[in-house]
PDB file of N, CA and C in Angstrom:
ATOM      1  N   MET A   1      18.658  -1.017   6.269  1.00  0.00           N
ATOM      2  CA  MET A   1      17.854  -1.033   5.062  1.00  0.00           C
ATOM      3  C   MET A   1      16.824   0.086   5.161  1.00  0.00           C
ATOM      4  N   TYR A   2      16.735   0.857   4.103  1.00  0.00           N
ATOM      5  CA  TYR A   2      15.832   2.005   4.084  1.00  0.00           C
ATOM      6  C   TYR A   2      14.663   1.724   3.143  1.00  0.00           C
ATOM      7  N   PHE A   3      13.453   1.976   3.627  1.00  0.00           N
ATOM      8  CA  PHE A   3      12.256   1.798   2.816  1.00  0.00           C
ATOM      9  C   PHE A   3      11.345   3.002   2.949  1.00  0.00           C
ATOM     10  N   LYS A   4      10.713   3.353   1.838  1.00  0.00           N
ATOM     11  CA  LYS A   4       9.621   4.322   1.868  1.00  0.00           C
ATOM     12  C   LYS A   4       8.340   3.511   2.015  1.00  0.00           C
ATOM     13  N   ILE A   5       7.474   3.933   2.914  1.00  0.00           N
ATOM     14  CA  ILE A   5       6.251   3.188   3.159  1.00  0.00           C
ATOM     15  C   ILE A   5       5.039   4.098   2.983  1.00  0.00           C
ATOM     16  N   GLU A   6       4.054   3.597   2.256  1.00  0.00           N
ATOM     17  CA  GLU A   6       2.782   4.304   2.077  1.00  0.00           C
ATOM     18  C   GLU A   6       1.760   3.634   2.984  1.00  0.00           C
ATOM     19  N   CYS A   7       1.223   4.398   3.916  1.00  0.00           N
ATOM     20  CA  CYS A   7       0.246   3.874   4.857  1.00  0.00           C
ATOM     21  C   CYS A   7      -1.151   4.347   4.476  1.00  0.00           C
ATOM     22  N   ASP A   8      -2.099   3.424   4.469  1.00  0.00           N
ATOM     23  CA  ASP A   8      -3.492   3.732   4.136  1.00  0.00           C
ATOM     24  C   ASP A   8      -4.303   3.720   5.431  1.00  0.00           C
ATOM     25  N   TYR A   9      -4.567   4.907   5.965  1.00  0.00           N
ATOM     26  CA  TYR A   9      -5.343   5.036   7.200  1.00  0.00           C
ATOM     27  C   TYR A   9      -6.841   5.026   6.903  1.00  0.00           C
ATOM     28  N   LYS A  10      -7.194   5.431   5.693  1.00  0.00           N
ATOM     29  CA  LYS A  10      -8.604   5.578   5.325  1.00  0.00           C
ATOM     30  C   LYS A  10      -9.338   4.229   5.338  1.00  0.00           C
ATOM     31  N   THR A  11      -8.762   3.223   4.717  1.00  0.00           N
ATOM     32  CA  THR A  11      -9.408   1.910   4.635  1.00  0.00           C
ATOM     33  C   THR A  11      -9.582   1.304   6.019  1.00  0.00           C
ATOM     34  N   SER A  12      -8.570   1.421   6.859  1.00  0.00           N
ATOM     35  CA  SER A  12      -8.676   0.885   8.223  1.00  0.00           C
ATOM     36  C   SER A  12      -9.767   1.615   8.995  1.00  0.00           C
ATOM     37  N   GLY A  13      -9.850   2.931   8.811  1.00  0.00           N
ATOM     38  CA  GLY A  13     -10.879   3.711   9.486  1.00  0.00           C
ATOM     39  C   GLY A  13     -12.272   3.281   9.083  1.00  0.00           C
ATOM     40  N   LYS A  14     -12.462   3.018   7.791  1.00  0.00           N
ATOM     41  CA  LYS A  14     -13.769   2.563   7.301  1.00  0.00           C
ATOM     42  C   LYS A  14     -14.124   1.182   7.851  1.00  0.00           C
ATOM     43  N   ALA A  15     -13.098   0.396   8.138  1.00  0.00           N
ATOM     44  CA  ALA A  15     -13.313  -0.952   8.664  1.00  0.00           C
ATOM     45  C   ALA A  15     -13.497  -0.940  10.184  1.00  0.00           C
ATOM     46  N   GLY A  16     -13.495   0.250  10.784  1.00  0.00           N
ATOM     47  CA  GLY A  16     -13.674   0.363  12.224  1.00  0.00           C
ATOM     48  C   GLY A  16     -12.403   0.145  13.015  1.00  0.00           C
ATOM     49  N   ALA A  17     -11.259   0.242  12.353  1.00  0.00           N
ATOM     50  CA  ALA A  17      -9.979  -0.011  13.017  1.00  0.00           C
ATOM     51  C   ALA A  17      -9.301   1.277  13.464  1.00  0.00           C
ATOM     52  N   GLY A  18     -10.085   2.298  13.723  1.00  0.00           N
ATOM     53  CA  GLY A  18      -9.584   3.534  14.319  1.00  0.00           C
ATOM     54  C   GLY A  18      -8.334   4.112  13.720  1.00  0.00           C
ATOM     55  N   LYS A  19      -7.268   4.211  14.511  1.00  0.00           N
ATOM     56  CA  LYS A  19      -6.024   4.850  14.080  1.00  0.00           C
ATOM     57  C   LYS A  19      -5.028   3.860  13.475  1.00  0.00           C
ATOM     58  N   MET A  20      -5.520   2.705  13.093  1.00  0.00           N
ATOM     59  CA  MET A  20      -4.657   1.706  12.471  1.00  0.00           C
ATOM     60  C   MET A  20      -4.508   2.024  10.983  1.00  0.00           C
ATOM     61  N   PHE A  21      -3.614   1.312  10.309  1.00  0.00           N
ATOM     62  CA  PHE A  21      -3.386   1.512   8.886  1.00  0.00           C
ATOM     63  C   PHE A  21      -3.048   0.192   8.214  1.00  0.00           C
ATOM     64  N   GLN A  22      -3.173   0.187   6.909  1.00  0.00           N
ATOM     65  CA  GLN A  22      -2.704  -0.918   6.083  1.00  0.00           C
ATOM     66  C   GLN A  22      -1.561  -0.385   5.224  1.00  0.00           C
ATOM     67  N   VAL A  23      -0.675  -1.274   4.817  1.00  0.00           N
ATOM     68  CA  VAL A  23       0.446  -0.865   3.971  1.00  0.00           C
ATOM     69  C   VAL A  23      -0.032  -0.854   2.521  1.00  0.00           C
ATOM     70  N   ALA A  24       0.014   0.323   1.910  1.00  0.00           N
ATOM     71  CA  ALA A  24      -0.395   0.470   0.514  1.00  0.00           C
ATOM     72  C   ALA A  24       0.788   0.322  -0.435  1.00  0.00           C
ATOM     73  N   GLY A  25       1.995   0.578   0.067  1.00  0.00           N
ATOM     74  CA  GLY A  25       3.188   0.446  -0.761  1.00  0.00           C
ATOM     75  C   GLY A  25       4.447   0.424   0.078  1.00  0.00           C
ATOM     76  N   LEU A  26       5.445  -0.294  -0.407  1.00  0.00           N
ATOM     77  CA  LEU A  26       6.738  -0.390   0.269  1.00  0.00           C
ATOM     78  C   LEU A  26       7.824  -0.415  -0.800  1.00  0.00           C
ATOM     79  N   TYR A  27       8.724   0.591  -0.768  1.00  0.00           N
ATOM     80  CA  TYR A  27       9.740   0.751  -1.809  1.00  0.00           C
ATOM     81  C   TYR A  27      11.099   1.021  -1.181  1.00  0.00           C
ATOM     82  N   ASP A  28      12.152   0.518  -1.827  1.00  0.00           N
ATOM     83  CA  ASP A  28      13.494   0.821  -1.341  1.00  0.00           C
ATOM     84  C   ASP A  28      13.955   2.156  -1.908  1.00  0.00           C
ATOM     85  N   TYR A  29      15.194   2.538  -1.632  1.00  0.00           N
ATOM     86  CA  TYR A  29      15.686   3.853  -2.060  1.00  0.00           C
ATOM     87  C   TYR A  29      15.897   3.940  -3.569  1.00  0.00           C
ATOM     88  N   HIS A  30      15.818   2.803  -4.262  1.00  0.00           N
ATOM     89  CA  HIS A  30      15.878   2.791  -5.728  1.00  0.00           C
ATOM     90  C   HIS A  30      14.477   2.762  -6.336  1.00  0.00           C
ATOM     91  N   ASP A  31      13.465   2.885  -5.480  1.00  0.00           N
ATOM     92  CA  ASP A  31      12.057   2.800  -5.873  1.00  0.00           C
ATOM     93  C   ASP A  31      11.653   1.419  -6.382  1.00  0.00           C
ATOM     94  N   LEU A  32      12.388   0.394  -5.979  1.00  0.00           N
ATOM     95  CA  LEU A  32      11.976  -0.972  -6.287  1.00  0.00           C
ATOM     96  C   LEU A  32      10.845  -1.353  -5.344  1.00  0.00           C
ATOM     97  N   ASP A  33       9.848  -2.006  -5.880  1.00  0.00           N
ATOM     98  CA  ASP A  33       8.635  -2.332  -5.126  1.00  0.00           C
ATOM     99  C   ASP A  33       8.819  -3.596  -4.286  1.00  0.00           C
ATOM    100  N   PHE A  34       8.667  -3.453  -2.980  1.00  0.00           N
ATOM    101  CA  PHE A  34       8.753  -4.573  -2.047  1.00  0.00           C
ATOM    102  C   PHE A  34       7.422  -4.812  -1.334  1.00  0.00           C
ATOM    103  N   THR A  35       6.363  -4.238  -1.875  1.00  0.00           N
ATOM    104  CA  THR A  35       5.043  -4.330  -1.251  1.00  0.00           C
ATOM    105  C   THR A  35       4.604  -5.785  -1.081  1.00  0.00           C
ATOM    106  N   HIS A  36       5.008  -6.639  -1.989  1.00  0.00           N
ATOM    107  CA  HIS A  36       4.602  -8.048  -1.941  1.00  0.00           C
ATOM    108  C   HIS A  36       5.077  -8.764  -0.672  1.00  0.00           C
ATOM    109  N   LEU A  37       6.025  -8.182   0.035  1.00  0.00           N
ATOM    110  CA  LEU A  37       6.529  -8.803   1.258  1.00  0.00           C
ATOM    111  C   LEU A  37       5.630  -8.555   2.473  1.00  0.00           C
ATOM    112  N   ILE A  38       4.656  -7.672   2.310  1.00  0.00           N
ATOM    113  CA  ILE A  38       3.775  -7.294   3.417  1.00  0.00           C
ATOM    114  C   ILE A  38       2.353  -7.758   3.126  1.00  0.00           C
ATOM    115  N   ASP A  39       1.670  -8.248   4.147  1.00  0.00           N
ATOM    116  CA  ASP A  39       0.253  -8.610   4.017  1.00  0.00           C
ATOM    117  C   ASP A  39      -0.556  -7.324   3.956  1.00  0.00           C
ATOM    118  N   GLN A  40      -1.009  -6.967   2.759  1.00  0.00           N
ATOM    119  CA  GLN A  40      -1.712  -5.700   2.583  1.00  0.00           C
ATOM    120  C   GLN A  40      -3.099  -5.692   3.206  1.00  0.00           C
ATOM    121  N   GLY A  41      -3.600  -6.820   3.613  1.00  0.00           N
ATOM    122  CA  GLY A  41      -4.897  -6.883   4.261  1.00  0.00           C
ATOM    123  C   GLY A  41      -4.827  -6.725   5.773  1.00  0.00           C
ATOM    124  N   LYS A  42      -3.617  -6.753   6.305  1.00  0.00           N
ATOM    125  CA  LYS A  42      -3.425  -6.665   7.753  1.00  0.00           C
ATOM    126  C   LYS A  42      -3.492  -5.211   8.211  1.00  0.00           C
ATOM    127  N   HIS A  43      -4.138  -4.978   9.338  1.00  0.00           N
ATOM    128  CA  HIS A  43      -4.220  -3.643   9.931  1.00  0.00           C
ATOM    129  C   HIS A  43      -3.116  -3.525  10.982  1.00  0.00           C
ATOM    130  N   TYR A  44      -2.266  -2.522  10.829  1.00  0.00           N
ATOM    131  CA  TYR A  44      -1.141  -2.296  11.744  1.00  0.00           C
ATOM    132  C   TYR A  44      -1.434  -1.114  12.652  1.00  0.00           C
ATOM    133  N   ILE A  45      -0.899  -1.175  13.865  1.00  0.00           N
ATOM    134  CA  ILE A  45      -1.063  -0.085  14.816  1.00  0.00           C
ATOM    135  C   ILE A  45       0.154   0.839  14.826  1.00  0.00           C
ATOM    136  N   SER A  46       1.314   0.326  14.366  1.00  0.00           N
ATOM    137  CA  SER A  46       2.520   1.149  14.354  1.00  0.00           C
ATOM    138  C   SER A  46       3.477   0.671  13.264  1.00  0.00           C
ATOM    139  N   LEU A  47       4.402   1.554  12.893  1.00  0.00           N
ATOM    140  CA  LEU A  47       5.429   1.172  11.924  1.00  0.00           C
ATOM    141  C   LEU A  47       6.328   0.085  12.492  1.00  0.00           C
ATOM    142  N   ASN A  48       6.482   0.057  13.799  1.00  0.00           N
ATOM    143  CA  ASN A  48       7.297  -0.967  14.442  1.00  0.00           C
ATOM    144  C   ASN A  48       6.714  -2.363  14.192  1.00  0.00           C
ATOM    145  N   ASP A  49       5.391  -2.462  14.161  1.00  0.00           N
ATOM    146  CA  ASP A  49       4.756  -3.747  13.869  1.00  0.00           C
ATOM    147  C   ASP A  49       5.057  -4.193  12.433  1.00  0.00           C
ATOM    148  N   VAL A  50       5.080  -3.228  11.517  1.00  0.00           N
ATOM    149  CA  VAL A  50       5.431  -3.543  10.121  1.00  0.00           C
ATOM    150  C   VAL A  50       6.887  -3.996  10.066  1.00  0.00           C
ATOM    151  N   LYS A  51       7.757  -3.310  10.804  1.00  0.00           N
ATOM    152  CA  LYS A  51       9.175  -3.696  10.851  1.00  0.00           C
ATOM    153  C   LYS A  51       9.330  -5.133  11.323  1.00  0.00           C
ATOM    154  N   ASN A  52       8.587  -5.518  12.348  1.00  0.00           N
ATOM    155  CA  ASN A  52       8.661  -6.884  12.866  1.00  0.00           C
ATOM    156  C   ASN A  52       8.312  -7.898  11.783  1.00  0.00           C
ATOM    157  N   ASP A  53       7.218  -7.650  11.065  1.00  0.00           N
ATOM    158  CA  ASP A  53       6.795  -8.566   9.999  1.00  0.00           C
ATOM    159  C   ASP A  53       7.809  -8.615   8.867  1.00  0.00           C
ATOM    160  N   LEU A  54       8.297  -7.449   8.445  1.00  0.00           N
ATOM    161  CA  LEU A  54       9.255  -7.393   7.347  1.00  0.00           C
ATOM    162  C   LEU A  54      10.575  -8.056   7.731  1.00  0.00           C
ATOM    163  N   ALA A  55      11.056  -7.778   8.926  1.00  0.00           N
ATOM    164  CA  ALA A  55      12.324  -8.368   9.388  1.00  0.00           C
ATOM    165  C   ALA A  55      12.246  -9.888   9.392  1.00  0.00           C
ATOM    166  N   GLU A  56      11.119 -10.410   9.836  1.00  0.00           N
ATOM    167  CA  GLU A  56      10.944 -11.864   9.844  1.00  0.00           C
ATOM    168  C   GLU A  56      10.919 -12.412   8.420  1.00  0.00           C
ATOM    169  N   LYS A  57      10.262 -11.698   7.527  1.00  0.00           N
ATOM    170  CA  LYS A  57      10.107 -12.145   6.142  1.00  0.00           C
ATOM    171  C   LYS A  57      11.445 -12.169   5.398  1.00  0.00           C
ATOM    172  N   ILE A  58      12.303 -11.170   5.653  1.00  0.00           N
ATOM    173  CA  ILE A  58      13.577 -11.091   4.922  1.00  0.00           C
ATOM    174  C   ILE A  58      14.778 -11.518   5.770  1.00  0.00           C
ATOM    175  N   SER A  59      14.503 -12.027   6.967  1.00  0.00           N
ATOM    176  CA  SER A  59      15.532 -12.597   7.856  1.00  0.00           C
ATOM    177  C   SER A  59      16.643 -11.610   8.207  1.00  0.00           C
ATOM    178  N   VAL A  60      16.227 -10.431   8.692  1.00  0.00           N
ATOM    179  CA  VAL A  60      17.182  -9.448   9.206  1.00  0.00           C
ATOM    180  C   VAL A  60      16.692  -8.964  10.566  1.00  0.00           C
ATOM    181  N   ALA A  61      17.569  -8.297  11.299  1.00  0.00           N
ATOM    182  CA  ALA A  61      17.182  -7.712  12.578  1.00  0.00           C
ATOM    183  C   ALA A  61      16.280  -6.506  12.315  1.00  0.00           C
ATOM    184  N   LYS A  62      15.228  -6.373  13.100  1.00  0.00           N
ATOM    185  CA  LYS A  62      14.292  -5.267  12.863  1.00  0.00           C
ATOM    186  C   LYS A  62      14.961  -3.905  13.048  1.00  0.00           C
ATOM    187  N   ASP A  63      15.997  -3.839  13.860  1.00  0.00           N
ATOM    188  CA  ASP A  63      16.716  -2.584  14.071  1.00  0.00           C
ATOM    189  C   ASP A  63      17.482  -2.132  12.827  1.00  0.00           C
ATOM    190  N   SER A  64      17.650  -3.028  11.866  1.00  0.00           N
ATOM    191  CA  SER A  64      18.370  -2.669  10.641  1.00  0.00           C
ATOM    192  C   SER A  64      17.436  -2.085   9.582  1.00  0.00           C
ATOM    193  N   ILE A  65      16.146  -1.984   9.899  1.00  0.00           N
ATOM    194  CA  ILE A  65      15.156  -1.466   8.957  1.00  0.00           C
ATOM    195  C   ILE A  65      14.731  -0.065   9.371  1.00  0.00           C
ATOM    196  N   ASP A  66      14.764   0.846   8.407  1.00  0.00           N
ATOM    197  CA  ASP A  66      14.291   2.215   8.629  1.00  0.00           C
ATOM    198  C   ASP A  66      13.190   2.525   7.623  1.00  0.00           C
ATOM    199  N   PHE A  67      12.137   3.187   8.100  1.00  0.00           N
ATOM    200  CA  PHE A  67      11.025   3.584   7.251  1.00  0.00           C
ATOM    201  C   PHE A  67      10.931   5.098   7.178  1.00  0.00           C
ATOM    202  N   HIS A  68      10.501   5.567   6.023  1.00  0.00           N
ATOM    203  CA  HIS A  68      10.123   6.966   5.838  1.00  0.00           C
ATOM    204  C   HIS A  68       8.705   6.931   5.269  1.00  0.00           C
ATOM    205  N   GLU A  69       7.761   7.439   6.038  1.00  0.00           N
ATOM    206  CA  GLU A  69       6.363   7.424   5.581  1.00  0.00           C
ATOM    207  C   GLU A  69       6.136   8.502   4.533  1.00  0.00           C
ATOM    208  N   VAL A  70       5.555   8.088   3.415  1.00  0.00           N
ATOM    209  CA  VAL A  70       5.254   9.025   2.322  1.00  0.00           C
ATOM    210  C   VAL A  70       3.770   9.079   2.052  1.00  0.00           C
TER     211      VAL A  70
END
């Protein structure tokens, strides 16, 4: 599964979370919005952490998810 992910580093930085980010948007290759599947208030340290959360939410193996940061 391929997703485009928008990462917001600015908000996390203002909150004192250094190099962490929040997910501002998540879209498939058809530009369908899947952002609602991610906790937008959570600060992530890596895309792999987002993959773990998304895989659990949609019941797939995390290795089947690919992200392209936009």
